[in-house]
Amino acid sequence: MLSVGAVIPRKGFHILVEALQPLKSLSWTLTIAGDVTRDPPAYVLLQEVIRRCSLEDRIHVLGAVSSPELQNLYAKSDVFVLASFYEGYGMVFAEAMANGLPIVSTTGGAIADTVPKQAGVLVEPGQVDALSDAIKLLIENDDYRSLLAQGARSAAQQQPTWEESVQKFDQLLSELIAE
């Protein structure tokens, strides 16, 4: 599994670790890629929760990675997970879907608008048991995971390109200026 984001409280990495603890009997590893220097107390908390849950051998916190390294992580992963309490958009969700990864996340902020039902399983933010159940479902059910991966690729094809996004933004600004 892969999780991407700066290690800050809003990303809910401590919740994700707690959700993984009951799944120790299953076969999984988690790689967390993202800046660990933006909020030192959040990084300390993440390390403490990993130790408390005895998951040091299953969870790898890489820190910030280069774009090619991140692309390699997406390519090597089977599932994208992020326990955010809130996301305004969540570029990493679009990237995960573009890489055909099924998603397990929350409904925090705009995540539900970014990740359609056919691409992932979303639970309420902060709900450790629900997050754990969703992750377990994707680990144990290859067919469902494959179905969501197909849904992720399909959803990614519906996303606007950067060029289309710039054009829409430019059009919106032009309309606002004209008013």
C-alpha atoms as a PDB file:
ATOM      1  CA  MET A   1       0.000   0.000   0.000  1.00  0.00           C
ATOM      2  CA  LEU A   2       1.047   3.574  -0.600  1.00  0.00           C
ATOM      3  CA  SER A   3       0.158   6.764   1.229  1.00  0.00           C
ATOM      4  CA  VAL A   4       1.391  10.149   0.027  1.00  0.00           C
ATOM      5  CA  GLY A   5       1.326  13.473   1.809  1.00  0.00           C
ATOM      6  CA  ALA A   6       3.181  15.730   4.195  1.00  0.00           C
ATOM      7  CA  VAL A   7       3.193  14.308   7.699  1.00  0.00           C
ATOM      8  CA  ILE A   8       0.886  16.858   9.298  1.00  0.00           C
ATOM      9  CA  PRO A   9      -2.081  16.258  11.643  1.00  0.00           C
ATOM     10  CA  ARG A  10      -4.708  16.855   8.928  1.00  0.00           C
ATOM     11  CA  LYS A  11      -3.461  13.864   6.923  1.00  0.00           C
ATOM     12  CA  GLY A  12      -4.404  11.416   9.704  1.00  0.00           C
ATOM     13  CA  PHE A  13      -1.366   9.144   9.398  1.00  0.00           C
ATOM     14  CA  HIS A  14      -1.712   8.166  13.065  1.00  0.00           C
ATOM     15  CA  ILE A  15      -5.298   7.055  12.342  1.00  0.00           C
ATOM     16  CA  LEU A  16      -4.078   4.994   9.382  1.00  0.00           C
ATOM     17  CA  VAL A  17      -1.493   3.223  11.539  1.00  0.00           C
ATOM     18  CA  GLU A  18      -4.096   2.455  14.198  1.00  0.00           C
ATOM     19  CA  ALA A  19      -6.388   1.068  11.475  1.00  0.00           C
ATOM     20  CA  LEU A  20      -3.611  -1.225  10.266  1.00  0.00           C
ATOM     21  CA  GLN A  21      -2.765  -2.672  13.671  1.00  0.00           C
ATOM     22  CA  PRO A  22      -5.673  -5.184  13.724  1.00  0.00           C
ATOM     23  CA  LEU A  23      -4.639  -6.351  10.232  1.00  0.00           C
ATOM     24  CA  LYS A  24      -1.247  -7.713  11.301  1.00  0.00           C
ATOM     25  CA  SER A  25      -2.235 -11.263  10.355  1.00  0.00           C
ATOM     26  CA  LEU A  26      -2.733 -10.208   6.720  1.00  0.00           C
ATOM     27  CA  SER A  27      -0.016  -9.774   4.130  1.00  0.00           C
ATOM     28  CA  TRP A  28       0.680  -6.066   3.574  1.00  0.00           C
ATOM     29  CA  THR A  29       3.244  -3.315   3.854  1.00  0.00           C
ATOM     30  CA  LEU A  30       2.701   0.431   3.810  1.00  0.00           C
ATOM     31  CA  THR A  31       4.998   3.052   2.329  1.00  0.00           C
ATOM     32  CA  ILE A  32       4.444   6.653   3.384  1.00  0.00           C
ATOM     33  CA  ALA A  33       6.028   9.259   1.100  1.00  0.00           C
ATOM     34  CA  GLY A  34       5.897  12.917   2.028  1.00  0.00           C
ATOM     35  CA  ASP A  35       7.661  15.735   3.826  1.00  0.00           C
ATOM     36  CA  VAL A  36       8.328  14.849   7.465  1.00  0.00           C
ATOM     37  CA  THR A  37       9.765  18.263   8.411  1.00  0.00           C
ATOM     38  CA  ARG A  38       6.687  20.520   8.132  1.00  0.00           C
ATOM     39  CA  ASP A  39       5.267  19.556  11.524  1.00  0.00           C
ATOM     40  CA  PRO A  40       7.860  17.843  13.751  1.00  0.00           C
ATOM     41  CA  PRO A  41       5.324  16.919  16.484  1.00  0.00           C
ATOM     42  CA  ALA A  42       3.145  15.137  13.886  1.00  0.00           C
ATOM     43  CA  TYR A  43       6.159  13.146  12.707  1.00  0.00           C
ATOM     44  CA  VAL A  44       7.069  12.236  16.298  1.00  0.00           C
ATOM     45  CA  LEU A  45       3.461  11.126  16.896  1.00  0.00           C
ATOM     46  CA  LEU A  46       3.530   8.989  13.738  1.00  0.00           C
ATOM     47  CA  GLN A  47       6.742   7.282  14.866  1.00  0.00           C
ATOM     48  CA  GLU A  48       5.298   6.711  18.358  1.00  0.00           C
ATOM     49  CA  VAL A  49       2.088   5.172  17.008  1.00  0.00           C
ATOM     50  CA  ILE A  50       4.043   2.910  14.647  1.00  0.00           C
ATOM     51  CA  ARG A  51       6.128   1.687  17.628  1.00  0.00           C
ATOM     52  CA  ARG A  52       3.105   1.344  19.939  1.00  0.00           C
ATOM     53  CA  CYS A  53       1.313  -0.738  17.299  1.00  0.00           C
ATOM     54  CA  SER A  54       4.485  -2.831  16.710  1.00  0.00           C
ATOM     55  CA  LEU A  55       4.437  -2.106  12.979  1.00  0.00           C
ATOM     56  CA  GLU A  56       8.032  -0.942  12.488  1.00  0.00           C
ATOM     57  CA  ASP A  57       8.717  -3.816  10.082  1.00  0.00           C
ATOM     58  CA  ARG A  58       5.553  -3.188   8.011  1.00  0.00           C
ATOM     59  CA  ILE A  59       5.441   0.623   7.677  1.00  0.00           C
ATOM     60  CA  HIS A  60       8.200   2.519   5.888  1.00  0.00           C
ATOM     61  CA  VAL A  61       8.256   6.316   6.166  1.00  0.00           C
ATOM     62  CA  LEU A  62      10.442   7.623   3.356  1.00  0.00           C
ATOM     63  CA  GLY A  63      10.077  11.367   3.753  1.00  0.00           C
ATOM     64  CA  ALA A  64       9.980  13.564   0.664  1.00  0.00           C
ATOM     65  CA  VAL A  65      10.805  11.763  -2.592  1.00  0.00           C
ATOM     66  CA  SER A  66      11.562  12.919  -6.121  1.00  0.00           C
ATOM     67  CA  SER A  67       8.919  12.803  -8.852  1.00  0.00           C
ATOM     68  CA  PRO A  68      10.515   9.747 -10.504  1.00  0.00           C
ATOM     69  CA  GLU A  69      10.697   7.969  -7.131  1.00  0.00           C
ATOM     70  CA  LEU A  70       7.049   8.794  -6.456  1.00  0.00           C
ATOM     71  CA  GLN A  71       6.025   7.480  -9.867  1.00  0.00           C
ATOM     72  CA  ASN A  72       7.916   4.265  -9.112  1.00  0.00           C
ATOM     73  CA  LEU A  73       6.081   3.942  -5.780  1.00  0.00           C
ATOM     74  CA  TYR A  74       2.713   4.325  -7.507  1.00  0.00           C
ATOM     75  CA  ALA A  75       3.725   1.691 -10.070  1.00  0.00           C
ATOM     76  CA  LYS A  76       4.772  -0.813  -7.376  1.00  0.00           C
ATOM     77  CA  SER A  77       1.682  -0.389  -5.190  1.00  0.00           C
ATOM     78  CA  ASP A  78      -1.619  -2.252  -5.152  1.00  0.00           C
ATOM     79  CA  VAL A  79      -3.718   0.179  -3.093  1.00  0.00           C
ATOM     80  CA  PHE A  80      -3.565   3.883  -2.238  1.00  0.00           C
ATOM     81  CA  VAL A  81      -4.587   4.818   1.319  1.00  0.00           C
ATOM     82  CA  LEU A  82      -4.888   8.187   3.028  1.00  0.00           C
ATOM     83  CA  ALA A  83      -6.791   8.899   6.247  1.00  0.00           C
ATOM     84  CA  SER A  84      -7.102  12.677   5.788  1.00  0.00           C
ATOM     85  CA  PHE A  85      -9.490  14.609   7.947  1.00  0.00           C
ATOM     86  CA  TYR A  86      -9.858  17.156   5.145  1.00  0.00           C
ATOM     87  CA  GLU A  87      -8.634  17.699   1.582  1.00  0.00           C
ATOM     88  CA  GLY A  88      -9.456  20.713  -0.568  1.00  0.00           C
ATOM     89  CA  TYR A  89      -8.859  18.673  -3.712  1.00  0.00           C
ATOM     90  CA  GLY A  90      -6.184  16.071  -3.155  1.00  0.00           C
ATOM     91  CA  MET A  91      -3.850  15.873  -6.123  1.00  0.00           C
ATOM     92  CA  VAL A  92      -2.529  12.543  -4.827  1.00  0.00           C
ATOM     93  CA  PHE A  93      -5.945  10.971  -5.386  1.00  0.00           C
ATOM     94  CA  ALA A  94      -5.926  12.006  -9.039  1.00  0.00           C
ATOM     95  CA  GLU A  95      -2.368  10.670  -9.348  1.00  0.00           C
ATOM     96  CA  ALA A  96      -3.319   7.378  -7.700  1.00  0.00           C
ATOM     97  CA  MET A  97      -6.295   6.934 -10.019  1.00  0.00           C
ATOM     98  CA  ALA A  98      -4.146   7.798 -13.048  1.00  0.00           C
ATOM     99  CA  ASN A  99      -1.878   4.965 -11.928  1.00  0.00           C
ATOM    100  CA  GLY A 100      -4.813   2.578 -11.651  1.00  0.00           C
ATOM    101  CA  LEU A 101      -4.733   2.280  -7.878  1.00  0.00           C
ATOM    102  CA  PRO A 102      -7.909   1.574  -5.948  1.00  0.00           C
ATOM    103  CA  ILE A 103      -8.295   4.027  -3.088  1.00  0.00           C
ATOM    104  CA  VAL A 104      -9.175   3.715   0.569  1.00  0.00           C
ATOM    105  CA  SER A 105      -9.688   7.093   2.186  1.00  0.00           C
ATOM    106  CA  THR A 106     -12.185   9.323   3.919  1.00  0.00           C
ATOM    107  CA  THR A 107     -15.000  11.630   2.946  1.00  0.00           C
ATOM    108  CA  GLY A 108     -13.123  14.621   4.415  1.00  0.00           C
ATOM    109  CA  GLY A 109     -13.528  17.785   2.372  1.00  0.00           C
ATOM    110  CA  ALA A 110     -13.515  17.297  -1.395  1.00  0.00           C
ATOM    111  CA  ILE A 111     -12.267  13.695  -1.376  1.00  0.00           C
ATOM    112  CA  ALA A 112     -15.716  12.312  -2.200  1.00  0.00           C
ATOM    113  CA  ASP A 113     -15.895  14.718  -5.145  1.00  0.00           C
ATOM    114  CA  THR A 114     -12.484  13.587  -6.374  1.00  0.00           C
ATOM    115  CA  VAL A 115     -12.763   9.827  -5.798  1.00  0.00           C
ATOM    116  CA  PRO A 116     -15.902   8.304  -7.331  1.00  0.00           C
ATOM    117  CA  LYS A 117     -17.489   5.184  -5.826  1.00  0.00           C
ATOM    118  CA  GLN A 118     -16.196   2.990  -8.648  1.00  0.00           C
ATOM    119  CA  ALA A 119     -12.590   3.956  -7.754  1.00  0.00           C
ATOM    120  CA  GLY A 120     -12.463   3.469  -4.011  1.00  0.00           C
ATOM    121  CA  VAL A 121     -13.936   2.967  -0.587  1.00  0.00           C
ATOM    122  CA  LEU A 122     -14.423   6.093   1.521  1.00  0.00           C
ATOM    123  CA  VAL A 123     -15.244   6.245   5.229  1.00  0.00           C
ATOM    124  CA  GLU A 124     -15.906   9.086   7.645  1.00  0.00           C
ATOM    125  CA  PRO A 125     -12.736  10.845   8.857  1.00  0.00           C
ATOM    126  CA  GLY A 126     -11.283   9.600  12.136  1.00  0.00           C
ATOM    127  CA  GLN A 127     -13.156   6.285  12.075  1.00  0.00           C
ATOM    128  CA  VAL A 128     -10.381   3.769  12.798  1.00  0.00           C
ATOM    129  CA  ASP A 129     -12.580   0.654  12.663  1.00  0.00           C
ATOM    130  CA  ALA A 130     -14.294   1.633   9.402  1.00  0.00           C
ATOM    131  CA  LEU A 131     -10.935   2.456   7.815  1.00  0.00           C
ATOM    132  CA  SER A 132      -9.542  -0.875   8.999  1.00  0.00           C
ATOM    133  CA  ASP A 133     -12.539  -2.733   7.544  1.00  0.00           C
ATOM    134  CA  ALA A 134     -12.171  -0.959   4.194  1.00  0.00           C
ATOM    135  CA  ILE A 135      -8.465  -1.765   3.979  1.00  0.00           C
ATOM    136  CA  LYS A 136      -9.112  -5.375   4.951  1.00  0.00           C
ATOM    137  CA  LEU A 137     -11.737  -5.656   2.214  1.00  0.00           C
ATOM    138  CA  LEU A 138      -9.252  -4.619  -0.453  1.00  0.00           C
ATOM    139  CA  ILE A 139      -6.436  -6.790   0.913  1.00  0.00           C
ATOM    140  CA  GLU A 140      -8.609  -9.901   1.069  1.00  0.00           C
ATOM    141  CA  ASN A 141     -10.719  -9.466  -2.056  1.00  0.00           C
ATOM    142  CA  ASP A 142      -8.616  -9.514  -5.237  1.00  0.00           C
ATOM    143  CA  ASP A 143     -11.663  -9.288  -7.505  1.00  0.00           C
ATOM    144  CA  TYR A 144     -13.049  -6.213  -5.755  1.00  0.00           C
ATOM    145  CA  ARG A 145      -9.607  -4.593  -5.693  1.00  0.00           C
ATOM    146  CA  SER A 146      -9.300  -5.226  -9.457  1.00  0.00           C
ATOM    147  CA  LEU A 147     -12.769  -3.802 -10.063  1.00  0.00           C
ATOM    148  CA  LEU A 148     -11.862  -0.626  -8.164  1.00  0.00           C
ATOM    149  CA  ALA A 149      -8.553  -0.399 -10.043  1.00  0.00           C
ATOM    150  CA  GLN A 150     -10.489  -0.448 -13.325  1.00  0.00           C
ATOM    151  CA  GLY A 151     -12.819   2.194 -11.915  1.00  0.00           C
ATOM    152  CA  ALA A 152      -9.821   4.312 -10.906  1.00  0.00           C
ATOM    153  CA  ARG A 153      -8.342   4.179 -14.412  1.00  0.00           C
ATOM    154  CA  SER A 154     -11.722   5.053 -15.897  1.00  0.00           C
ATOM    155  CA  ALA A 155     -12.209   7.958 -13.479  1.00  0.00           C
ATOM    156  CA  ALA A 156      -8.724   9.255 -14.274  1.00  0.00           C
ATOM    157  CA  GLN A 157      -9.601   9.409 -17.966  1.00  0.00           C
ATOM    158  CA  GLN A 158     -12.539  11.667 -17.090  1.00  0.00           C
ATOM    159  CA  GLN A 159     -10.327  14.139 -15.213  1.00  0.00           C
ATOM    160  CA  PRO A 160      -9.398  17.309 -17.104  1.00  0.00           C
ATOM    161  CA  THR A 161      -5.798  17.694 -18.246  1.00  0.00           C
ATOM    162  CA  TRP A 162      -3.676  20.517 -16.859  1.00  0.00           C
ATOM    163  CA  GLU A 163      -4.165  22.394 -20.124  1.00  0.00           C
ATOM    164  CA  GLU A 164      -7.959  22.008 -19.915  1.00  0.00           C
ATOM    165  CA  SER A 165      -7.894  23.128 -16.278  1.00  0.00           C
ATOM    166  CA  VAL A 166      -5.878  26.231 -17.142  1.00  0.00           C
ATOM    167  CA  GLN A 167      -8.297  27.077 -19.949  1.00  0.00           C
ATOM    168  CA  LYS A 168     -11.305  26.723 -17.621  1.00  0.00           C
ATOM    169  CA  PHE A 169      -9.619  28.841 -14.969  1.00  0.00           C
ATOM    170  CA  ASP A 170      -8.704  31.484 -17.546  1.00  0.00           C
ATOM    171  CA  GLN A 171     -12.288  31.526 -18.825  1.00  0.00           C
ATOM    172  CA  LEU A 172     -13.638  31.915 -15.297  1.00  0.00           C
ATOM    173  CA  LEU A 173     -11.279  34.799 -14.566  1.00  0.00           C
ATOM    174  CA  SER A 174     -12.235  36.485 -17.848  1.00  0.00           C
ATOM    175  CA  GLU A 175     -15.920  36.186 -16.934  1.00  0.00           C
ATOM    176  CA  LEU A 176     -15.320  37.635 -13.468  1.00  0.00           C
ATOM    177  CA  ILE A 177     -13.329  40.566 -14.868  1.00  0.00           C
ATOM    178  CA  ALA A 178     -16.079  41.270 -17.425  1.00  0.00           C
ATOM    179  CA  GLU A 179     -18.680  41.615 -14.678  1.00  0.00           C
END
